[in-house]
């Protein structure tokens, strides 16, 4: 079973990963905004990459939720300050 310290580290890693994904999705979205249907071939890969990243984000959110649930079991209120 992971320790409280291990869970805090994992939570921070997940939050950092999520932040990076969100930034990349925002960049791709800004680039793809205004592109009309049908999607030009040169942008199809960007659309696919953004969709893949969004699925990865959902997975990270699930793991983050499970990590935070495990942290709650330790009974601490402020996970970053302990």
PDB file of N, CA and C in Angstrom:
ATOM      1  N   UNK A   1       0.848  -1.183   0.000  1.00  0.00           N
ATOM      2  CA  UNK A   1       0.000   0.000   0.000  1.00  0.00           C
ATOM      3  C   UNK A   1       0.888   1.240   0.000  1.00  0.00           C
ATOM      4  N   UNK A   2       0.563   2.202  -0.848  1.00  0.00           N
ATOM      5  CA  UNK A   2       1.368   3.424  -0.907  1.00  0.00           C
ATOM      6  C   UNK A   2       1.254   4.226   0.388  1.00  0.00           C
ATOM      7  N   UNK A   3       2.320   4.924   0.697  1.00  0.00           N
ATOM      8  CA  UNK A   3       2.309   5.781   1.880  1.00  0.00           C
ATOM      9  C   UNK A   3       1.658   7.121   1.537  1.00  0.00           C
ATOM     10  N   UNK A   4       1.368   7.875   2.573  1.00  0.00           N
ATOM     11  CA  UNK A   4       0.794   9.206   2.388  1.00  0.00           C
ATOM     12  C   UNK A   4       1.719  10.053   1.519  1.00  0.00           C
ATOM     13  N   UNK A   5       3.007   9.995   1.802  1.00  0.00           N
ATOM     14  CA  UNK A   5       4.002  10.756   1.038  1.00  0.00           C
ATOM     15  C   UNK A   5       4.000  10.332  -0.435  1.00  0.00           C
ATOM     16  N   UNK A   6       3.945   9.030  -0.698  1.00  0.00           N
ATOM     17  CA  UNK A   6       3.900   8.516  -2.077  1.00  0.00           C
ATOM     18  C   UNK A   6       2.662   9.039  -2.811  1.00  0.00           C
ATOM     19  N   UNK A   7       1.539   9.038  -2.117  1.00  0.00           N
ATOM     20  CA  UNK A   7       0.296   9.515  -2.721  1.00  0.00           C
ATOM     21  C   UNK A   7       0.355  11.015  -3.027  1.00  0.00           C
ATOM     22  N   UNK A   8       0.948  11.780  -2.127  1.00  0.00           N
ATOM     23  CA  UNK A   8       1.096  13.218  -2.373  1.00  0.00           C
ATOM     24  C   UNK A   8       1.967  13.470  -3.596  1.00  0.00           C
ATOM     25  N   UNK A   9       3.054  12.721  -3.717  1.00  0.00           N
ATOM     26  CA  UNK A   9       3.938  12.867  -4.873  1.00  0.00           C
ATOM     27  C   UNK A   9       3.202  12.488  -6.147  1.00  0.00           C
ATOM     28  N   UNK A  10       2.479  11.380  -6.109  1.00  0.00           N
ATOM     29  CA  UNK A  10       1.729  10.924  -7.288  1.00  0.00           C
ATOM     30  C   UNK A  10       0.663  11.954  -7.676  1.00  0.00           C
ATOM     31  N   UNK A  11      -0.007  12.520  -6.692  1.00  0.00           N
ATOM     32  CA  UNK A  11      -1.018  13.546  -6.962  1.00  0.00           C
ATOM     33  C   UNK A  11      -0.393  14.733  -7.668  1.00  0.00           C
ATOM     34  N   UNK A  12       0.749  15.196  -7.191  1.00  0.00           N
ATOM     35  CA  UNK A  12       1.437  16.336  -7.804  1.00  0.00           C
ATOM     36  C   UNK A  12       1.841  16.000  -9.236  1.00  0.00           C
ATOM     37  N   UNK A  13       2.355  14.789  -9.473  1.00  0.00           N
ATOM     38  CA  UNK A  13       2.733  14.360 -10.823  1.00  0.00           C
ATOM     39  C   UNK A  13       1.522  14.349 -11.755  1.00  0.00           C
ATOM     40  N   UNK A  14       0.399  13.848 -11.258  1.00  0.00           N
ATOM     41  CA  UNK A  14      -0.819  13.798 -12.064  1.00  0.00           C
ATOM     42  C   UNK A  14      -1.328  15.199 -12.390  1.00  0.00           C
ATOM     43  N   UNK A  15      -1.275  16.092 -11.427  1.00  0.00           N
ATOM     44  CA  UNK A  15      -1.708  17.470 -11.665  1.00  0.00           C
ATOM     45  C   UNK A  15      -0.811  18.146 -12.705  1.00  0.00           C
ATOM     46  N   UNK A  16       0.496  17.894 -12.621  1.00  0.00           N
ATOM     47  CA  UNK A  16       1.426  18.456 -13.613  1.00  0.00           C
ATOM     48  C   UNK A  16       1.157  17.890 -15.001  1.00  0.00           C
ATOM     49  N   UNK A  17       0.935  16.591 -15.063  1.00  0.00           N
ATOM     50  CA  UNK A  17       0.639  15.936 -16.339  1.00  0.00           C
ATOM     51  C   UNK A  17      -0.655  16.489 -16.935  1.00  0.00           C
ATOM     52  N   UNK A  18      -1.656  16.644 -16.105  1.00  0.00           N
ATOM     53  CA  UNK A  18      -2.937  17.181 -16.555  1.00  0.00           C
ATOM     54  C   UNK A  18      -2.776  18.608 -17.072  1.00  0.00           C
ATOM     55  N   UNK A  19      -1.982  19.401 -16.388  1.00  0.00           N
ATOM     56  CA  UNK A  19      -1.742  20.782 -16.807  1.00  0.00           C
ATOM     57  C   UNK A  19      -1.060  20.828 -18.178  1.00  0.00           C
ATOM     58  N   UNK A  20      -0.085  19.952 -18.395  1.00  0.00           N
ATOM     59  CA  UNK A  20       0.597  19.896 -19.689  1.00  0.00           C
ATOM     60  C   UNK A  20      -0.360  19.478 -20.799  1.00  0.00           C
ATOM     61  N   UNK A  21      -1.188  18.494 -20.516  1.00  0.00           N
ATOM     62  CA  UNK A  21      -2.168  18.038 -21.509  1.00  0.00           C
ATOM     63  C   UNK A  21      -3.151  19.154 -21.842  1.00  0.00           C
ATOM     64  N   UNK A  22      -3.630  19.845 -20.828  1.00  0.00           N
ATOM     65  CA  UNK A  22      -4.585  20.924 -21.046  1.00  0.00           C
ATOM     66  C   UNK A  22      -3.974  22.026 -21.907  1.00  0.00           C
ATOM     67  N   UNK A  23      -2.700  22.342 -21.680  1.00  0.00           N
ATOM     68  CA  UNK A  23      -2.027  23.366 -22.473  1.00  0.00           C
ATOM     69  C   UNK A  23      -1.910  22.930 -23.934  1.00  0.00           C
ATOM     70  N   UNK A  24      -1.568  21.675 -24.152  1.00  0.00           N
ATOM     71  CA  UNK A  24      -1.436  21.168 -25.514  1.00  0.00           C
ATOM     72  C   UNK A  24      -2.786  21.141 -26.215  1.00  0.00           C
ATOM     73  N   UNK A  25      -3.823  20.695 -25.512  1.00  0.00           N
ATOM     74  CA  UNK A  25      -5.174  20.684 -26.093  1.00  0.00           C
ATOM     75  C   UNK A  25      -5.592  22.112 -26.443  1.00  0.00           C
ATOM     76  N   UNK A  26      -5.298  23.070 -25.586  1.00  0.00           N
ATOM     77  CA  UNK A  26      -5.648  24.468 -25.858  1.00  0.00           C
ATOM     78  C   UNK A  26      -4.914  24.976 -27.096  1.00  0.00           C
ATOM     79  N   UNK A  27      -3.632  24.628 -27.242  1.00  0.00           N
ATOM     80  CA  UNK A  27      -2.873  25.031 -28.429  1.00  0.00           C
ATOM     81  C   UNK A  27      -3.474  24.432 -29.695  1.00  0.00           C
ATOM     82  N   UNK A  28      -3.775  23.143 -29.646  1.00  0.00           N
ATOM     83  CA  UNK A  28      -4.361  22.475 -30.808  1.00  0.00           C
ATOM     84  C   UNK A  28      -5.727  23.065 -31.147  1.00  0.00           C
ATOM     85  N   UNK A  29      -6.511  23.335 -30.133  1.00  0.00           N
ATOM     86  CA  UNK A  29      -7.838  23.906 -30.350  1.00  0.00           C
ATOM     87  C   UNK A  29      -7.729  25.278 -30.998  1.00  0.00           C
ATOM     88  N   UNK A  30      -6.796  26.098 -30.517  1.00  0.00           N
ATOM     89  CA  UNK A  30      -6.598  27.426 -31.101  1.00  0.00           C
ATOM     90  C   UNK A  30      -6.175  27.317 -32.564  1.00  0.00           C
ATOM     91  N   UNK A  31      -5.332  26.351 -32.863  1.00  0.00           N
ATOM     92  CA  UNK A  31      -4.864  26.158 -34.226  1.00  0.00           C
ATOM     93  C   UNK A  31      -5.996  25.655 -35.132  1.00  0.00           C
ATOM     94  N   UNK A  32      -6.862  24.804 -34.578  1.00  0.00           N
ATOM     95  CA  UNK A  32      -7.899  24.164 -35.384  1.00  0.00           C
ATOM     96  C   UNK A  32      -9.192  24.973 -35.468  1.00  0.00           C
ATOM     97  N   UNK A  33      -9.340  25.966 -34.607  1.00  0.00           N
ATOM     98  CA  UNK A  33     -10.547  26.799 -34.644  1.00  0.00           C
ATOM     99  C   UNK A  33     -10.695  27.453 -36.005  1.00  0.00           C
ATOM    100  N   UNK A  34     -11.883  27.408 -36.518  1.00  0.00           N
ATOM    101  CA  UNK A  34     -12.180  28.068 -37.774  1.00  0.00           C
ATOM    102  C   UNK A  34     -11.915  27.233 -39.011  1.00  0.00           C
ATOM    103  N   UNK A  35     -11.405  26.022 -38.830  1.00  0.00           N
ATOM    104  CA  UNK A  35     -11.188  25.158 -39.990  1.00  0.00           C
ATOM    105  C   UNK A  35     -12.533  24.538 -40.354  1.00  0.00           C
ATOM    106  N   UNK A  36     -12.910  24.734 -41.594  1.00  0.00           N
ATOM    107  CA  UNK A  36     -14.216  24.275 -42.051  1.00  0.00           C
ATOM    108  C   UNK A  36     -14.190  22.794 -42.411  1.00  0.00           C
ATOM    109  N   UNK A  37     -15.373  22.197 -42.365  1.00  0.00           N
ATOM    110  CA  UNK A  37     -15.551  20.818 -42.811  1.00  0.00           C
ATOM    111  C   UNK A  37     -15.554  20.793 -44.325  1.00  0.00           C
ATOM    112  N   UNK A  38     -15.138  19.825 -45.004  1.00  0.00           N
ATOM    113  CA  UNK A  38     -14.414  18.681 -44.475  1.00  0.00           C
ATOM    114  C   UNK A  38     -13.017  19.091 -44.031  1.00  0.00           C
ATOM    115  N   UNK A  39     -12.504  18.351 -43.084  1.00  0.00           N
ATOM    116  CA  UNK A  39     -11.202  18.664 -42.503  1.00  0.00           C
ATOM    117  C   UNK A  39     -10.107  18.402 -43.542  1.00  0.00           C
ATOM    118  N   UNK A  40      -9.296  19.424 -43.832  1.00  0.00           N
ATOM    119  CA  UNK A  40      -8.188  19.209 -44.765  1.00  0.00           C
ATOM    120  C   UNK A  40      -7.221  18.148 -44.231  1.00  0.00           C
ATOM    121  N   UNK A  41      -6.659  17.381 -45.122  1.00  0.00           N
ATOM    122  CA  UNK A  41      -5.784  16.266 -44.742  1.00  0.00           C
ATOM    123  C   UNK A  41      -4.640  16.706 -43.835  1.00  0.00           C
ATOM    124  N   UNK A  42      -4.102  17.898 -44.077  1.00  0.00           N
ATOM    125  CA  UNK A  42      -2.955  18.341 -43.270  1.00  0.00           C
ATOM    126  C   UNK A  42      -3.331  18.623 -41.816  1.00  0.00           C
ATOM    127  N   UNK A  43      -4.623  18.755 -41.532  1.00  0.00           N
ATOM    128  CA  UNK A  43      -5.062  19.001 -40.160  1.00  0.00           C
ATOM    129  C   UNK A  43      -5.663  17.766 -39.500  1.00  0.00           C
ATOM    130  N   UNK A  44      -5.901  16.723 -40.251  1.00  0.00           N
ATOM    131  CA  UNK A  44      -6.529  15.515 -39.707  1.00  0.00           C
ATOM    132  C   UNK A  44      -5.713  14.922 -38.558  1.00  0.00           C
ATOM    133  N   UNK A  45      -4.407  14.911 -38.715  1.00  0.00           N
ATOM    134  CA  UNK A  45      -3.553  14.360 -37.653  1.00  0.00           C
ATOM    135  C   UNK A  45      -3.668  15.187 -36.376  1.00  0.00           C
ATOM    136  N   UNK A  46      -3.794  16.497 -36.520  1.00  0.00           N
ATOM    137  CA  UNK A  46      -3.938  17.366 -35.342  1.00  0.00           C
ATOM    138  C   UNK A  46      -5.261  17.088 -34.622  1.00  0.00           C
ATOM    139  N   UNK A  47      -6.320  16.882 -35.386  1.00  0.00           N
ATOM    140  CA  UNK A  47      -7.615  16.533 -34.794  1.00  0.00           C
ATOM    141  C   UNK A  47      -7.523  15.204 -34.038  1.00  0.00           C
ATOM    142  N   UNK A  48      -6.878  14.233 -34.661  1.00  0.00           N
ATOM    143  CA  UNK A  48      -6.723  12.925 -34.021  1.00  0.00           C
ATOM    144  C   UNK A  48      -5.883  13.031 -32.752  1.00  0.00           C
ATOM    145  N   UNK A  49      -4.826  13.825 -32.821  1.00  0.00           N
ATOM    146  CA  UNK A  49      -3.961  13.994 -31.646  1.00  0.00           C
ATOM    147  C   UNK A  49      -4.723  14.669 -30.508  1.00  0.00           C
ATOM    148  N   UNK A  50      -5.521  15.685 -30.845  1.00  0.00           N
ATOM    149  CA  UNK A  50      -6.311  16.362 -29.811  1.00  0.00           C
ATOM    150  C   UNK A  50      -7.322  15.400 -29.187  1.00  0.00           C
ATOM    151  N   UNK A  51      -7.975  14.590 -30.005  1.00  0.00           N
ATOM    152  CA  UNK A  51      -8.941  13.617 -29.477  1.00  0.00           C
ATOM    153  C   UNK A  51      -8.241  12.608 -28.578  1.00  0.00           C
ATOM    154  N   UNK A  52      -7.060  12.152 -28.983  1.00  0.00           N
ATOM    155  CA  UNK A  52      -6.289  11.205 -28.164  1.00  0.00           C
ATOM    156  C   UNK A  52      -5.926  11.849 -26.826  1.00  0.00           C
ATOM    157  N   UNK A  53      -5.446  13.104 -26.873  1.00  0.00           N
ATOM    158  CA  UNK A  53      -5.093  13.805 -25.637  1.00  0.00           C
ATOM    159  C   UNK A  53      -6.294  13.960 -24.713  1.00  0.00           C
ATOM    160  N   UNK A  54      -7.441  14.240 -25.280  1.00  0.00           N
ATOM    161  CA  UNK A  54      -8.639  14.387 -24.459  1.00  0.00           C
ATOM    162  C   UNK A  54      -9.012  13.073 -23.788  1.00  0.00           C
ATOM    163  N   UNK A  55      -8.814  11.964 -24.467  1.00  0.00           N
ATOM    164  CA  UNK A  55      -9.059  10.656 -23.837  1.00  0.00           C
ATOM    165  C   UNK A  55      -8.037  10.400 -22.728  1.00  0.00           C
ATOM    166  N   UNK A  56      -6.789  10.799 -22.965  1.00  0.00           N
ATOM    167  CA  UNK A  56      -5.761  10.636 -21.940  1.00  0.00           C
ATOM    168  C   UNK A  56      -6.086  11.489 -20.721  1.00  0.00           C
ATOM    169  N   UNK A  57      -6.582  12.706 -20.961  1.00  0.00           N
ATOM    170  CA  UNK A  57      -6.981  13.574 -19.854  1.00  0.00           C
ATOM    171  C   UNK A  57      -8.037  12.895 -18.989  1.00  0.00           C
ATOM    172  N   UNK A  58      -9.006  12.283 -19.627  1.00  0.00           N
ATOM    173  CA  UNK A  58     -10.065  11.599 -18.878  1.00  0.00           C
ATOM    174  C   UNK A  58      -9.465  10.499 -18.005  1.00  0.00           C
ATOM    175  N   UNK A  59      -8.509   9.758 -18.540  1.00  0.00           N
ATOM    176  CA  UNK A  59      -7.852   8.708 -17.762  1.00  0.00           C
ATOM    177  C   UNK A  59      -7.076   9.268 -16.593  1.00  0.00           C
ATOM    178  N   UNK A  60      -6.369  10.370 -16.810  1.00  0.00           N
ATOM    179  CA  UNK A  60      -5.608  11.000 -15.725  1.00  0.00           C
ATOM    180  C   UNK A  60      -6.554  11.500 -14.648  1.00  0.00           C
ATOM    181  N   UNK A  61      -7.689  12.049 -15.050  1.00  0.00           N
ATOM    182  CA  UNK A  61      -8.668  12.522 -14.063  1.00  0.00           C
ATOM    183  C   UNK A  61      -9.194  11.380 -13.201  1.00  0.00           C
ATOM    184  N   UNK A  62      -9.388  10.215 -13.794  1.00  0.00           N
ATOM    185  CA  UNK A  62      -9.846   9.049 -13.027  1.00  0.00           C
ATOM    186  C   UNK A  62      -8.777   8.642 -12.017  1.00  0.00           C
ATOM    187  N   UNK A  63      -7.535   8.562 -12.468  1.00  0.00           N
ATOM    188  CA  UNK A  63      -6.442   8.170 -11.568  1.00  0.00           C
ATOM    189  C   UNK A  63      -6.258   9.216 -10.479  1.00  0.00           C
ATOM    190  N   UNK A  64      -6.363  10.494 -10.848  1.00  0.00           N
ATOM    191  CA  UNK A  64      -6.243  11.563  -9.863  1.00  0.00           C
ATOM    192  C   UNK A  64      -7.339  11.449  -8.813  1.00  0.00           C
ATOM    193  N   UNK A  65      -8.547  11.169  -9.250  1.00  0.00           N
ATOM    194  CA  UNK A  65      -9.661  11.003  -8.326  1.00  0.00           C
ATOM    195  C   UNK A  65      -9.416   9.848  -7.361  1.00  0.00           C
ATOM    196  N   UNK A  66      -8.917   8.739  -7.878  1.00  0.00           N
ATOM    197  CA  UNK A  66      -8.619   7.585  -7.022  1.00  0.00           C
ATOM    198  C   UNK A  66      -7.490   7.902  -6.046  1.00  0.00           C
ATOM    199  N   UNK A  67      -6.503   8.655  -6.508  1.00  0.00           N
ATOM    200  CA  UNK A  67      -5.392   9.052  -5.633  1.00  0.00           C
ATOM    201  C   UNK A  67      -5.890   9.961  -4.523  1.00  0.00           C
ATOM    202  N   UNK A  68      -6.741  10.910  -4.865  1.00  0.00           N
ATOM    203  CA  UNK A  68      -7.280  11.812  -3.849  1.00  0.00           C
ATOM    204  C   UNK A  68      -8.188  11.080  -2.874  1.00  0.00           C
ATOM    205  N   UNK A  69      -8.918  10.087  -3.361  1.00  0.00           N
ATOM    206  CA  UNK A  69      -9.744   9.272  -2.463  1.00  0.00           C
ATOM    207  C   UNK A  69      -8.853   8.538  -1.466  1.00  0.00           C
ATOM    208  N   UNK A  70      -7.733   8.002  -1.954  1.00  0.00           N
ATOM    209  CA  UNK A  70      -6.804   7.312  -1.062  1.00  0.00           C
ATOM    210  C   UNK A  70      -6.203   8.286  -0.048  1.00  0.00           C
ATOM    211  N   UNK A  71      -5.919   9.516  -0.488  1.00  0.00           N
ATOM    212  CA  UNK A  71      -5.407  10.520   0.449  1.00  0.00           C
ATOM    213  C   UNK A  71      -6.432  10.849   1.519  1.00  0.00           C
ATOM    214  N   UNK A  72      -7.699  10.892   1.145  1.00  0.00           N
ATOM    215  CA  UNK A  72      -8.758  11.157   2.129  1.00  0.00           C
ATOM    216  C   UNK A  72      -8.797  10.090   3.216  1.00  0.00           C
ATOM    217  N   UNK A  73      -8.443   8.881   2.859  1.00  0.00           N
ATOM    218  CA  UNK A  73      -8.429   7.803   3.843  1.00  0.00           C
ATOM    219  C   UNK A  73      -7.412   8.063   4.949  1.00  0.00           C
ATOM    220  N   UNK A  74      -6.377   8.865   4.645  1.00  0.00           N
ATOM    221  CA  UNK A  74      -5.396   9.217   5.669  1.00  0.00           C
ATOM    222  C   UNK A  74      -5.930  10.294   6.606  1.00  0.00           C
ATOM    223  N   UNK A  75      -7.028  10.946   6.202  1.00  0.00           N
ATOM    224  CA  UNK A  75      -7.674  11.928   7.060  1.00  0.00           C
ATOM    225  C   UNK A  75      -7.074  13.310   7.043  1.00  0.00           C
ATOM    226  N   UNK A  76      -6.096  13.562   6.176  1.00  0.00           N
ATOM    227  CA  UNK A  76      -5.495  14.903   6.121  1.00  0.00           C
ATOM    228  C   UNK A  76      -6.356  15.789   5.235  1.00  0.00           C
ATOM    229  N   UNK A  77      -6.466  17.068   5.633  1.00  0.00           N
ATOM    230  CA  UNK A  77      -7.254  18.021   4.866  1.00  0.00           C
ATOM    231  C   UNK A  77      -6.411  18.755   3.818  1.00  0.00           C
ATOM    232  N   UNK A  78      -5.163  19.037   4.147  1.00  0.00           N
ATOM    233  CA  UNK A  78      -4.308  19.830   3.260  1.00  0.00           C
ATOM    234  C   UNK A  78      -3.156  18.944   2.796  1.00  0.00           C
ATOM    235  N   UNK A  79      -3.323  18.353   1.619  1.00  0.00           N
ATOM    236  CA  UNK A  79      -2.378  17.346   1.134  1.00  0.00           C
ATOM    237  C   UNK A  79      -1.044  17.937   0.720  1.00  0.00           C
ATOM    238  N   UNK A  80      -0.990  19.206   0.384  1.00  0.00           N
ATOM    239  CA  UNK A  80       0.252  19.808  -0.080  1.00  0.00           C
ATOM    240  C   UNK A  80       1.091  20.370   1.063  1.00  0.00           C
ATOM    241  N   UNK A  81       0.516  20.542   2.229  1.00  0.00           N
ATOM    242  CA  UNK A  81       1.207  21.210   3.325  1.00  0.00           C
ATOM    243  C   UNK A  81       1.714  20.264   4.410  1.00  0.00           C
ATOM    244  N   UNK A  82       1.356  19.013   4.354  1.00  0.00           N
ATOM    245  CA  UNK A  82       1.746  18.084   5.432  1.00  0.00           C
ATOM    246  C   UNK A  82       3.176  17.686   5.268  1.00  0.00           C
TER     247      UNK A  82
END
